[in-house]
Amino acid sequence: MDSSHYKVVFENAKVRVLRVSYGPGETSVMHYDPDSVIVSLTGDDTRMTTPDGKSQVSAAKPGEVIWSPAGSRLPQNVSDKRDEVIIVELKK
């Protein structure tokens, strides 16, 4: 886990909850995420790049809730403002 951007705020046998914060233009590292629910706190413009090099930019409004299927990805904040989200990762 990229500890400079991700902080575990709760964890039990069923879920792990992360608070994620990226400054303008910041990029994480390629990593695997399980099925997750993402709550945008600030609104965001995020580019997700997959291991095959394909990328997609998505936007979310503050308070928007998004389903994110499991997979490997490299996230980048492509906006000029801070991006903060809560991620609820589902455990099997």
N, C-alpha and C. Protein backbone atom coordinates (compact mmCIF):
# COMPACT_ATOMS: atom_id res chain seq x y z
N MET A 1 0.85 -1.19 0.00
CA MET A 1 0.00 0.00 0.00
C MET A 1 0.89 1.24 0.00
N ASP A 2 0.47 2.25 -0.71
CA ASP A 2 1.18 3.53 -0.83
C ASP A 2 0.85 4.38 0.40
N SER A 3 1.68 4.27 1.44
CA SER A 3 1.38 4.94 2.72
C SER A 3 1.45 6.46 2.65
N SER A 4 2.02 7.00 1.59
CA SER A 4 2.05 8.47 1.47
C SER A 4 0.69 9.02 1.03
N HIS A 5 -0.17 8.16 0.50
CA HIS A 5 -1.49 8.60 0.04
C HIS A 5 -2.65 7.87 0.73
N TYR A 6 -2.41 6.67 1.27
CA TYR A 6 -3.46 5.82 1.82
C TYR A 6 -3.26 5.63 3.32
N LYS A 7 -4.36 5.77 4.09
CA LYS A 7 -4.30 5.53 5.52
C LYS A 7 -5.47 4.62 5.90
N VAL A 8 -5.19 3.51 6.57
CA VAL A 8 -6.25 2.62 7.06
C VAL A 8 -6.91 3.31 8.26
N VAL A 9 -8.24 3.51 8.18
CA VAL A 9 -8.97 4.15 9.28
C VAL A 9 -9.87 3.17 10.03
N PHE A 10 -10.10 1.98 9.44
CA PHE A 10 -10.90 0.94 10.11
C PHE A 10 -10.65 -0.37 9.37
N GLU A 11 -10.62 -1.47 10.14
CA GLU A 11 -10.49 -2.78 9.52
C GLU A 11 -11.05 -3.85 10.44
N ASN A 12 -11.78 -4.79 9.84
CA ASN A 12 -12.24 -5.98 10.55
C ASN A 12 -12.20 -7.16 9.58
N ALA A 13 -12.86 -8.25 9.93
CA ALA A 13 -12.82 -9.44 9.08
C ALA A 13 -13.57 -9.28 7.76
N LYS A 14 -14.45 -8.29 7.65
CA LYS A 14 -15.29 -8.12 6.46
C LYS A 14 -14.85 -7.00 5.52
N VAL A 15 -14.30 -5.91 6.09
CA VAL A 15 -13.94 -4.74 5.28
C VAL A 15 -12.65 -4.10 5.77
N ARG A 16 -12.04 -3.32 4.88
CA ARG A 16 -10.96 -2.41 5.25
C ARG A 16 -11.35 -1.06 4.70
N VAL A 17 -11.29 -0.03 5.53
CA VAL A 17 -11.68 1.32 5.12
C VAL A 17 -10.42 2.19 5.09
N LEU A 18 -10.23 2.85 3.94
CA LEU A 18 -9.05 3.69 3.72
C LEU A 18 -9.47 5.14 3.48
N ARG A 19 -8.68 6.06 3.98
CA ARG A 19 -8.82 7.47 3.60
C ARG A 19 -7.67 7.75 2.66
N VAL A 20 -7.99 8.26 1.48
CA VAL A 20 -7.00 8.46 0.42
C VAL A 20 -6.95 9.94 0.08
N SER A 21 -5.74 10.46 -0.08
CA SER A 21 -5.56 11.87 -0.40
C SER A 21 -4.42 12.03 -1.39
N TYR A 22 -4.72 12.70 -2.51
CA TYR A 22 -3.72 13.01 -3.54
C TYR A 22 -3.71 14.51 -3.79
N GLY A 23 -2.52 15.09 -3.83
CA GLY A 23 -2.39 16.48 -4.22
C GLY A 23 -2.55 16.61 -5.73
N PRO A 24 -2.66 17.84 -6.23
CA PRO A 24 -2.79 18.06 -7.66
C PRO A 24 -1.67 17.37 -8.45
N GLY A 25 -2.05 16.55 -9.43
CA GLY A 25 -1.09 15.89 -10.30
C GLY A 25 -0.37 14.69 -9.70
N GLU A 26 -0.61 14.37 -8.43
CA GLU A 26 0.12 13.27 -7.80
C GLU A 26 -0.32 11.91 -8.33
N THR A 27 0.64 10.99 -8.35
CA THR A 27 0.44 9.63 -8.82
C THR A 27 0.83 8.66 -7.71
N SER A 28 0.14 7.55 -7.65
CA SER A 28 0.47 6.49 -6.69
C SER A 28 1.40 5.49 -7.36
N VAL A 29 1.30 4.24 -6.97
CA VAL A 29 2.06 3.15 -7.58
C VAL A 29 1.06 2.12 -8.10
N MET A 30 1.47 1.30 -9.04
CA MET A 30 0.61 0.23 -9.53
C MET A 30 0.33 -0.71 -8.36
N HIS A 31 -0.95 -1.01 -8.12
CA HIS A 31 -1.32 -1.89 -7.02
C HIS A 31 -2.64 -2.59 -7.32
N TYR A 32 -2.93 -3.62 -6.56
CA TYR A 32 -4.18 -4.38 -6.71
C TYR A 32 -5.16 -3.93 -5.64
N ASP A 33 -6.40 -3.69 -6.05
CA ASP A 33 -7.50 -3.37 -5.13
C ASP A 33 -8.57 -4.45 -5.26
N PRO A 34 -9.13 -4.91 -4.13
CA PRO A 34 -10.27 -5.82 -4.20
C PRO A 34 -11.53 -5.03 -4.59
N ASP A 35 -12.66 -5.72 -4.78
CA ASP A 35 -13.93 -5.02 -5.00
C ASP A 35 -14.09 -3.97 -3.91
N SER A 36 -14.50 -2.76 -4.33
CA SER A 36 -14.56 -1.64 -3.39
C SER A 36 -15.70 -0.68 -3.70
N VAL A 37 -16.09 0.06 -2.67
CA VAL A 37 -17.01 1.18 -2.81
C VAL A 37 -16.20 2.43 -2.48
N ILE A 38 -16.27 3.42 -3.37
CA ILE A 38 -15.50 4.65 -3.20
C ILE A 38 -16.46 5.82 -3.01
N VAL A 39 -16.19 6.63 -1.97
CA VAL A 39 -16.98 7.82 -1.71
C VAL A 39 -16.07 9.03 -1.93
N SER A 40 -16.41 9.86 -2.91
CA SER A 40 -15.62 11.05 -3.20
C SER A 40 -15.96 12.14 -2.17
N LEU A 41 -14.95 12.63 -1.48
CA LEU A 41 -15.17 13.70 -0.50
C LEU A 41 -15.07 15.08 -1.13
N THR A 42 -14.15 15.24 -2.08
CA THR A 42 -13.87 16.56 -2.65
C THR A 42 -14.28 16.70 -4.11
N GLY A 43 -14.66 15.59 -4.73
CA GLY A 43 -14.81 15.58 -6.18
C GLY A 43 -13.44 15.32 -6.77
N ASP A 44 -13.39 14.68 -7.93
CA ASP A 44 -12.07 14.36 -8.47
C ASP A 44 -12.10 14.15 -9.97
N ASP A 45 -10.92 14.23 -10.54
CA ASP A 45 -10.64 13.83 -11.92
C ASP A 45 -9.44 12.89 -11.81
N THR A 46 -9.68 11.60 -12.04
CA THR A 46 -8.66 10.59 -11.82
C THR A 46 -8.39 9.80 -13.09
N ARG A 47 -7.11 9.61 -13.40
CA ARG A 47 -6.71 8.73 -14.49
C ARG A 47 -6.29 7.41 -13.87
N MET A 48 -6.90 6.32 -14.32
CA MET A 48 -6.53 4.98 -13.89
C MET A 48 -5.85 4.29 -15.06
N THR A 49 -4.62 3.83 -14.82
CA THR A 49 -3.87 3.11 -15.84
C THR A 49 -3.73 1.66 -15.39
N THR A 50 -4.04 0.73 -16.29
CA THR A 50 -3.97 -0.70 -15.99
C THR A 50 -2.61 -1.25 -16.43
N PRO A 51 -2.25 -2.45 -15.96
CA PRO A 51 -0.94 -3.01 -16.29
C PRO A 51 -0.65 -3.12 -17.79
N ASP A 52 -1.70 -3.20 -18.62
CA ASP A 52 -1.48 -3.29 -20.07
C ASP A 52 -1.23 -1.92 -20.71
N GLY A 53 -1.18 -0.85 -19.89
CA GLY A 53 -0.88 0.48 -20.39
C GLY A 53 -2.09 1.30 -20.79
N LYS A 54 -3.28 0.70 -20.78
CA LYS A 54 -4.49 1.45 -21.12
C LYS A 54 -4.87 2.34 -19.94
N SER A 55 -5.43 3.52 -20.25
CA SER A 55 -5.85 4.42 -19.18
C SER A 55 -7.20 5.03 -19.50
N GLN A 56 -7.88 5.44 -18.45
CA GLN A 56 -9.19 6.07 -18.57
C GLN A 56 -9.30 7.14 -17.49
N VAL A 57 -9.82 8.30 -17.86
CA VAL A 57 -10.04 9.39 -16.91
C VAL A 57 -11.51 9.38 -16.53
N SER A 58 -11.77 9.48 -15.23
CA SER A 58 -13.15 9.56 -14.75
C SER A 58 -13.26 10.73 -13.78
N ALA A 59 -14.47 11.27 -13.70
CA ALA A 59 -14.73 12.40 -12.81
C ALA A 59 -15.83 12.02 -11.83
N ALA A 60 -15.72 12.52 -10.62
CA ALA A 60 -16.75 12.31 -9.60
C ALA A 60 -17.04 13.63 -8.91
N LYS A 61 -18.29 13.81 -8.53
CA LYS A 61 -18.69 15.01 -7.79
C LYS A 61 -18.54 14.74 -6.30
N PRO A 62 -18.39 15.79 -5.49
CA PRO A 62 -18.33 15.58 -4.04
C PRO A 62 -19.57 14.81 -3.56
N GLY A 63 -19.34 13.78 -2.74
CA GLY A 63 -20.43 12.97 -2.22
C GLY A 63 -20.84 11.82 -3.11
N GLU A 64 -20.34 11.76 -4.33
CA GLU A 64 -20.71 10.68 -5.25
C GLU A 64 -20.11 9.36 -4.77
N VAL A 65 -20.90 8.29 -4.93
CA VAL A 65 -20.48 6.94 -4.53
C VAL A 65 -20.31 6.10 -5.78
N ILE A 66 -19.18 5.40 -5.86
CA ILE A 66 -18.80 4.66 -7.07
C ILE A 66 -18.45 3.22 -6.70
N TRP A 67 -18.87 2.26 -7.53
CA TRP A 67 -18.45 0.87 -7.40
C TRP A 67 -17.17 0.69 -8.20
N SER A 68 -16.18 0.03 -7.61
CA SER A 68 -14.92 -0.23 -8.30
C SER A 68 -14.62 -1.73 -8.23
N PRO A 69 -14.67 -2.43 -9.37
CA PRO A 69 -14.38 -3.86 -9.36
C PRO A 69 -12.90 -4.11 -9.08
N ALA A 70 -12.61 -5.31 -8.58
CA ALA A 70 -11.23 -5.69 -8.26
C ALA A 70 -10.34 -5.58 -9.50
N GLY A 71 -9.07 -5.23 -9.26
CA GLY A 71 -8.12 -5.18 -10.36
C GLY A 71 -6.88 -4.39 -9.99
N SER A 72 -5.89 -4.47 -10.85
CA SER A 72 -4.64 -3.72 -10.67
C SER A 72 -4.75 -2.41 -11.42
N ARG A 73 -4.22 -1.36 -10.80
CA ARG A 73 -4.32 -0.03 -11.40
C ARG A 73 -3.29 0.91 -10.81
N LEU A 74 -3.02 1.96 -11.56
CA LEU A 74 -2.15 3.05 -11.12
C LEU A 74 -2.98 4.33 -11.19
N PRO A 75 -3.36 4.90 -10.04
CA PRO A 75 -4.18 6.11 -10.05
C PRO A 75 -3.33 7.39 -10.10
N GLN A 76 -3.88 8.40 -10.77
CA GLN A 76 -3.26 9.72 -10.82
C GLN A 76 -4.35 10.77 -10.73
N ASN A 77 -4.14 11.75 -9.86
CA ASN A 77 -5.04 12.90 -9.78
C ASN A 77 -4.66 13.84 -10.93
N VAL A 78 -5.55 14.01 -11.89
CA VAL A 78 -5.24 14.86 -13.05
C VAL A 78 -5.87 16.24 -12.94
N SER A 79 -6.35 16.58 -11.75
CA SER A 79 -6.93 17.91 -11.56
C SER A 79 -5.91 18.84 -10.89
N ASP A 80 -6.30 20.10 -10.73
CA ASP A 80 -5.42 21.08 -10.09
C ASP A 80 -5.81 21.32 -8.63
N LYS A 81 -6.57 20.39 -8.04
CA LYS A 81 -6.96 20.51 -6.63
C LYS A 81 -6.77 19.17 -5.93
N ARG A 82 -6.77 19.20 -4.61
CA ARG A 82 -6.61 17.99 -3.80
C ARG A 82 -7.80 17.06 -4.02
N ASP A 83 -7.53 15.77 -4.09
CA ASP A 83 -8.53 14.73 -4.28
C ASP A 83 -8.54 13.86 -3.03
N GLU A 84 -9.69 13.79 -2.35
CA GLU A 84 -9.81 12.96 -1.16
C GLU A 84 -11.02 12.06 -1.29
N VAL A 85 -10.82 10.78 -0.98
CA VAL A 85 -11.88 9.79 -1.05
C VAL A 85 -11.80 8.85 0.16
N ILE A 86 -12.90 8.19 0.44
CA ILE A 86 -12.96 7.07 1.37
C ILE A 86 -13.19 5.82 0.52
N ILE A 87 -12.37 4.80 0.73
CA ILE A 87 -12.52 3.53 0.02
C ILE A 87 -12.88 2.45 1.02
N VAL A 88 -13.96 1.73 0.73
CA VAL A 88 -14.36 0.58 1.55
C VAL A 88 -14.07 -0.67 0.72
N GLU A 89 -12.99 -1.37 1.10
CA GLU A 89 -12.60 -2.58 0.40
C GLU A 89 -13.32 -3.78 1.01
N LEU A 90 -13.93 -4.59 0.15
CA LEU A 90 -14.65 -5.77 0.62
C LEU A 90 -13.71 -6.96 0.69
N LYS A 91 -13.75 -7.68 1.80
CA LYS A 91 -12.93 -8.88 1.96
C LYS A 91 -13.78 -10.10 1.66
N LYS A 92 -13.19 -11.13 1.14
CA LYS A 92 -13.91 -12.36 0.82
C LYS A 92 -14.07 -13.21 2.05
